[in-house]
Amino acid sequence: MWRSLTKQLADLRVLTGLDLPLLEVLVIHLGRHRSLAVQLRALEDAGQIDPSIASYQRALRREAEIVKSLAASFGLTPSDRTRLHVVPLDTDRSQTLLKFLNRKRS
């Protein structure tokens, strides 16, 4: 997820090194949202009528709201992209950032 987002955002020229902490938060919440969706689907598929389903649904909605808000900061929806104003970056510098973000960690 991290690599996919960084490449797309770098291609759109809306990602700089200053954005990394916020991007990390976005990726964390995307992961939580996906995990909750899988867990909720498993409960529903198992036919479990359980009070915990409502808490999963609330948590899923909360994560979706957080993701939507953070995604807007990076112009990840068509309407958000229309409001972005980006300046052209030095191609070498943007490639350096992309390589740094996608490096293998030990």
N, C-alpha and C. Protein backbone atom coordinates (compact mmCIF):
# COMPACT_ATOMS: atom_id res chain seq x y z
N MET A 1 0.83 -1.18 0.00
CA MET A 1 0.00 0.00 0.00
C MET A 1 0.88 1.26 0.00
N TRP A 2 1.92 1.24 0.82
CA TRP A 2 2.85 2.37 0.93
C TRP A 2 3.48 2.68 -0.42
N ARG A 3 4.01 1.65 -1.07
CA ARG A 3 4.69 1.86 -2.36
C ARG A 3 3.74 2.36 -3.43
N SER A 4 2.56 1.79 -3.46
CA SER A 4 1.57 2.21 -4.46
C SER A 4 1.20 3.68 -4.29
N LEU A 5 0.92 4.07 -3.05
CA LEU A 5 0.55 5.47 -2.80
C LEU A 5 1.70 6.43 -3.09
N THR A 6 2.92 6.08 -2.66
CA THR A 6 4.03 7.01 -2.89
C THR A 6 4.28 7.20 -4.37
N LYS A 7 4.18 6.13 -5.15
CA LYS A 7 4.41 6.26 -6.59
C LYS A 7 3.35 7.15 -7.22
N GLN A 8 2.10 6.89 -6.89
CA GLN A 8 1.01 7.68 -7.48
C GLN A 8 1.10 9.15 -7.06
N LEU A 9 1.39 9.39 -5.79
CA LEU A 9 1.50 10.77 -5.33
C LEU A 9 2.72 11.48 -5.91
N ALA A 10 3.80 10.73 -6.08
CA ALA A 10 4.98 11.33 -6.70
C ALA A 10 4.69 11.65 -8.17
N ASP A 11 3.97 10.75 -8.85
CA ASP A 11 3.60 11.02 -10.24
C ASP A 11 2.72 12.26 -10.38
N LEU A 12 1.85 12.47 -9.39
CA LEU A 12 0.98 13.65 -9.39
C LEU A 12 1.72 14.91 -8.93
N ARG A 13 2.92 14.71 -8.41
CA ARG A 13 3.76 15.79 -7.88
C ARG A 13 3.12 16.50 -6.68
N VAL A 14 2.51 15.73 -5.81
CA VAL A 14 1.94 16.31 -4.59
C VAL A 14 2.63 15.78 -3.34
N LEU A 15 3.70 15.02 -3.50
CA LEU A 15 4.39 14.45 -2.36
C LEU A 15 5.78 15.03 -2.20
N THR A 16 6.06 15.48 -1.00
CA THR A 16 7.41 15.93 -0.67
C THR A 16 7.84 15.23 0.62
N GLY A 17 9.08 15.39 0.99
CA GLY A 17 9.57 14.79 2.22
C GLY A 17 8.81 15.27 3.45
N LEU A 18 8.30 16.48 3.39
CA LEU A 18 7.54 17.02 4.52
C LEU A 18 6.21 16.30 4.73
N ASP A 19 5.75 15.61 3.70
CA ASP A 19 4.45 14.93 3.77
C ASP A 19 4.52 13.54 4.38
N LEU A 20 5.72 13.03 4.61
CA LEU A 20 5.86 11.64 5.03
C LEU A 20 5.13 11.30 6.32
N PRO A 21 5.20 12.11 7.37
CA PRO A 21 4.47 11.74 8.59
C PRO A 21 2.95 11.62 8.36
N LEU A 22 2.37 12.56 7.62
CA LEU A 22 0.94 12.49 7.35
C LEU A 22 0.61 11.31 6.44
N LEU A 23 1.46 11.04 5.48
CA LEU A 23 1.25 9.89 4.60
C LEU A 23 1.32 8.59 5.40
N GLU A 24 2.22 8.53 6.35
CA GLU A 24 2.32 7.34 7.20
C GLU A 24 1.02 7.13 7.99
N VAL A 25 0.46 8.20 8.52
CA VAL A 25 -0.81 8.10 9.25
C VAL A 25 -1.92 7.61 8.31
N LEU A 26 -1.95 8.12 7.10
CA LEU A 26 -2.94 7.67 6.12
C LEU A 26 -2.81 6.18 5.85
N VAL A 27 -1.59 5.71 5.64
CA VAL A 27 -1.37 4.29 5.35
C VAL A 27 -1.79 3.42 6.55
N ILE A 28 -1.48 3.88 7.76
CA ILE A 28 -1.88 3.14 8.97
C ILE A 28 -3.40 3.01 9.03
N HIS A 29 -4.10 4.11 8.79
CA HIS A 29 -5.57 4.07 8.87
C HIS A 29 -6.18 3.28 7.71
N LEU A 30 -5.56 3.32 6.54
CA LEU A 30 -6.03 2.47 5.44
C LEU A 30 -5.91 1.00 5.82
N GLY A 31 -4.81 0.64 6.45
CA GLY A 31 -4.60 -0.74 6.89
C GLY A 31 -5.63 -1.15 7.93
N ARG A 32 -5.90 -0.27 8.88
CA ARG A 32 -6.91 -0.56 9.90
C ARG A 32 -8.29 -0.75 9.26
N HIS A 33 -8.60 0.14 8.31
CA HIS A 33 -9.90 0.05 7.64
C HIS A 33 -10.03 -1.29 6.91
N ARG A 34 -9.02 -1.67 6.19
CA ARG A 34 -9.05 -2.95 5.46
C ARG A 34 -9.19 -4.13 6.42
N SER A 35 -8.44 -4.10 7.51
CA SER A 35 -8.49 -5.19 8.49
C SER A 35 -9.88 -5.29 9.12
N LEU A 36 -10.45 -4.16 9.50
CA LEU A 36 -11.79 -4.17 10.08
C LEU A 36 -12.82 -4.68 9.08
N ALA A 37 -12.69 -4.28 7.82
CA ALA A 37 -13.63 -4.73 6.79
C ALA A 37 -13.57 -6.24 6.63
N VAL A 38 -12.37 -6.81 6.65
CA VAL A 38 -12.21 -8.26 6.51
C VAL A 38 -12.82 -8.97 7.72
N GLN A 39 -12.56 -8.46 8.92
CA GLN A 39 -13.10 -9.07 10.13
C GLN A 39 -14.63 -9.00 10.16
N LEU A 40 -15.16 -7.86 9.78
CA LEU A 40 -16.61 -7.70 9.76
C LEU A 40 -17.25 -8.63 8.74
N ARG A 41 -16.65 -8.72 7.56
CA ARG A 41 -17.17 -9.61 6.52
C ARG A 41 -17.17 -11.06 7.01
N ALA A 42 -16.13 -11.47 7.71
CA ALA A 42 -16.05 -12.84 8.23
C ALA A 42 -17.17 -13.10 9.25
N LEU A 43 -17.42 -12.14 10.12
CA LEU A 43 -18.50 -12.29 11.09
C LEU A 43 -19.85 -12.40 10.39
N GLU A 44 -20.06 -11.54 9.40
CA GLU A 44 -21.33 -11.56 8.67
C GLU A 44 -21.50 -12.85 7.87
N ASP A 45 -20.42 -13.29 7.23
CA ASP A 45 -20.48 -14.53 6.45
C ASP A 45 -20.75 -15.74 7.33
N ALA A 46 -20.27 -15.69 8.56
CA ALA A 46 -20.49 -16.80 9.49
C ALA A 46 -21.90 -16.76 10.07
N GLY A 47 -22.63 -15.70 9.74
CA GLY A 47 -24.00 -15.58 10.22
C GLY A 47 -24.11 -15.28 11.70
N GLN A 48 -23.06 -14.72 12.24
CA GLN A 48 -23.07 -14.41 13.66
C GLN A 48 -23.87 -13.14 13.93
N ILE A 49 -24.82 -13.29 14.80
CA ILE A 49 -25.57 -12.13 15.28
C ILE A 49 -24.94 -11.83 16.64
N ASP A 50 -24.13 -10.83 16.65
CA ASP A 50 -23.33 -10.58 17.83
C ASP A 50 -23.28 -9.07 18.07
N PRO A 51 -23.36 -8.65 19.32
CA PRO A 51 -23.26 -7.20 19.59
C PRO A 51 -21.94 -6.60 19.12
N SER A 52 -20.91 -7.43 18.98
CA SER A 52 -19.62 -6.89 18.54
C SER A 52 -19.66 -6.42 17.10
N ILE A 53 -20.63 -6.92 16.32
CA ILE A 53 -20.73 -6.49 14.92
C ILE A 53 -20.97 -4.97 14.86
N ALA A 54 -21.81 -4.47 15.74
CA ALA A 54 -22.08 -3.03 15.75
C ALA A 54 -20.82 -2.24 16.08
N SER A 55 -19.99 -2.76 16.98
CA SER A 55 -18.75 -2.04 17.30
C SER A 55 -17.79 -2.08 16.12
N TYR A 56 -17.76 -3.19 15.38
CA TYR A 56 -16.94 -3.26 14.17
C TYR A 56 -17.43 -2.25 13.14
N GLN A 57 -18.75 -2.16 12.99
CA GLN A 57 -19.32 -1.22 12.02
C GLN A 57 -18.99 0.22 12.39
N ARG A 58 -19.08 0.56 13.67
CA ARG A 58 -18.73 1.92 14.11
C ARG A 58 -17.26 2.21 13.86
N ALA A 59 -16.41 1.23 14.21
CA ALA A 59 -14.97 1.42 14.02
C ALA A 59 -14.64 1.56 12.54
N LEU A 60 -15.31 0.78 11.70
CA LEU A 60 -15.09 0.85 10.25
C LEU A 60 -15.48 2.22 9.71
N ARG A 61 -16.63 2.72 10.17
CA ARG A 61 -17.07 4.06 9.73
C ARG A 61 -16.09 5.13 10.20
N ARG A 62 -15.62 5.01 11.44
CA ARG A 62 -14.66 5.99 11.98
C ARG A 62 -13.37 5.99 11.16
N GLU A 63 -12.86 4.80 10.84
CA GLU A 63 -11.64 4.71 10.04
C GLU A 63 -11.88 5.27 8.64
N ALA A 64 -13.04 5.01 8.06
CA ALA A 64 -13.36 5.54 6.73
C ALA A 64 -13.35 7.07 6.73
N GLU A 65 -13.89 7.67 7.79
CA GLU A 65 -13.91 9.13 7.89
C GLU A 65 -12.49 9.69 8.01
N ILE A 66 -11.65 9.02 8.79
CA ILE A 66 -10.27 9.46 8.94
C ILE A 66 -9.53 9.35 7.62
N VAL A 67 -9.70 8.21 6.94
CA VAL A 67 -9.04 8.00 5.65
C VAL A 67 -9.50 9.04 4.63
N LYS A 68 -10.79 9.29 4.59
CA LYS A 68 -11.32 10.29 3.64
C LYS A 68 -10.72 11.66 3.89
N SER A 69 -10.63 12.04 5.14
CA SER A 69 -10.07 13.34 5.49
C SER A 69 -8.59 13.43 5.10
N LEU A 70 -7.83 12.40 5.44
CA LEU A 70 -6.41 12.40 5.10
C LEU A 70 -6.19 12.32 3.59
N ALA A 71 -7.00 11.51 2.92
CA ALA A 71 -6.87 11.36 1.47
C ALA A 71 -7.10 12.69 0.77
N ALA A 72 -8.00 13.49 1.30
CA ALA A 72 -8.27 14.80 0.70
C ALA A 72 -7.03 15.68 0.73
N SER A 73 -6.21 15.53 1.75
CA SER A 73 -4.99 16.32 1.85
C SER A 73 -4.02 16.06 0.71
N PHE A 74 -4.10 14.85 0.17
CA PHE A 74 -3.19 14.47 -0.91
C PHE A 74 -3.87 14.48 -2.28
N GLY A 75 -5.11 14.93 -2.34
CA GLY A 75 -5.80 15.00 -3.63
C GLY A 75 -6.12 13.63 -4.20
N LEU A 76 -6.54 12.70 -3.35
CA LEU A 76 -6.77 11.34 -3.81
C LEU A 76 -8.17 11.08 -4.35
N THR A 77 -9.00 12.10 -4.41
CA THR A 77 -10.29 11.96 -5.08
C THR A 77 -10.34 12.99 -6.21
N PRO A 78 -11.13 12.73 -7.22
CA PRO A 78 -11.20 13.68 -8.34
C PRO A 78 -11.55 15.10 -7.90
N SER A 79 -12.51 15.24 -6.99
CA SER A 79 -12.88 16.60 -6.58
C SER A 79 -11.76 17.27 -5.78
N ASP A 80 -11.03 16.50 -5.00
CA ASP A 80 -9.91 17.08 -4.25
C ASP A 80 -8.77 17.49 -5.18
N ARG A 81 -8.55 16.73 -6.23
CA ARG A 81 -7.47 17.06 -7.16
C ARG A 81 -7.73 18.37 -7.89
N THR A 82 -8.98 18.72 -8.10
CA THR A 82 -9.27 19.98 -8.79
C THR A 82 -8.86 21.18 -7.96
N ARG A 83 -8.77 21.00 -6.64
CA ARG A 83 -8.40 22.10 -5.75
C ARG A 83 -6.91 22.19 -5.47
N LEU A 84 -6.16 21.20 -5.92
CA LEU A 84 -4.73 21.21 -5.66
C LEU A 84 -4.00 22.14 -6.61
N HIS A 85 -3.00 22.78 -6.07
CA HIS A 85 -2.11 23.59 -6.89
C HIS A 85 -0.70 23.07 -6.63
N VAL A 86 -0.13 22.46 -7.64
CA VAL A 86 1.22 21.91 -7.47
C VAL A 86 2.17 22.62 -8.40
N VAL A 87 3.39 22.76 -7.93
CA VAL A 87 4.42 23.36 -8.76
C VAL A 87 5.32 22.25 -9.26
N PRO A 88 5.83 22.39 -10.47
CA PRO A 88 6.70 21.34 -11.01
C PRO A 88 7.93 21.15 -10.12
N LEU A 89 8.25 19.90 -9.87
CA LEU A 89 9.44 19.58 -9.09
C LEU A 89 10.58 19.23 -10.01
N ASP A 90 11.75 19.41 -9.51
CA ASP A 90 12.95 18.95 -10.20
C ASP A 90 12.83 17.43 -10.31
N THR A 91 12.86 16.90 -11.52
CA THR A 91 12.67 15.47 -11.75
C THR A 91 13.67 14.64 -10.97
N ASP A 92 14.91 15.05 -10.93
CA ASP A 92 15.92 14.29 -10.20
C ASP A 92 15.58 14.20 -8.72
N ARG A 93 15.14 15.30 -8.15
CA ARG A 93 14.80 15.31 -6.72
C ARG A 93 13.58 14.45 -6.43
N SER A 94 12.58 14.49 -7.29
CA SER A 94 11.39 13.68 -7.04
C SER A 94 11.71 12.20 -7.19
N GLN A 95 12.58 11.86 -8.13
CA GLN A 95 13.00 10.46 -8.27
C GLN A 95 13.80 10.00 -7.06
N THR A 96 14.62 10.88 -6.52
CA THR A 96 15.40 10.56 -5.32
C THR A 96 14.47 10.28 -4.15
N LEU A 97 13.44 11.09 -3.98
CA LEU A 97 12.47 10.88 -2.92
C LEU A 97 11.76 9.55 -3.11
N LEU A 98 11.33 9.27 -4.32
CA LEU A 98 10.63 8.03 -4.60
C LEU A 98 11.52 6.83 -4.30
N LYS A 99 12.78 6.89 -4.68
CA LYS A 99 13.71 5.79 -4.38
C LYS A 99 13.88 5.61 -2.89
N PHE A 100 13.98 6.73 -2.16
CA PHE A 100 14.13 6.68 -0.72
C PHE A 100 12.90 6.02 -0.07
N LEU A 101 11.73 6.41 -0.51
CA LEU A 101 10.49 5.87 0.08
C LEU A 101 10.31 4.39 -0.21
N ASN A 102 10.80 3.94 -1.34
CA ASN A 102 10.60 2.55 -1.75
C ASN A 102 11.77 1.64 -1.44
N ARG A 103 12.76 2.17 -0.71
CA ARG A 103 13.92 1.34 -0.41
C ARG A 103 13.54 0.19 0.52
N LYS A 104 14.31 -0.87 0.46
CA LYS A 104 14.08 -2.01 1.35
C LYS A 104 14.66 -1.67 2.71
N ARG A 105 13.87 -1.95 3.71
CA ARG A 105 14.32 -1.69 5.09
C ARG A 105 14.87 -2.97 5.66
N SER A 106 15.96 -2.84 6.45
CA SER A 106 16.53 -4.04 7.05
C SER A 106 16.00 -4.26 8.43
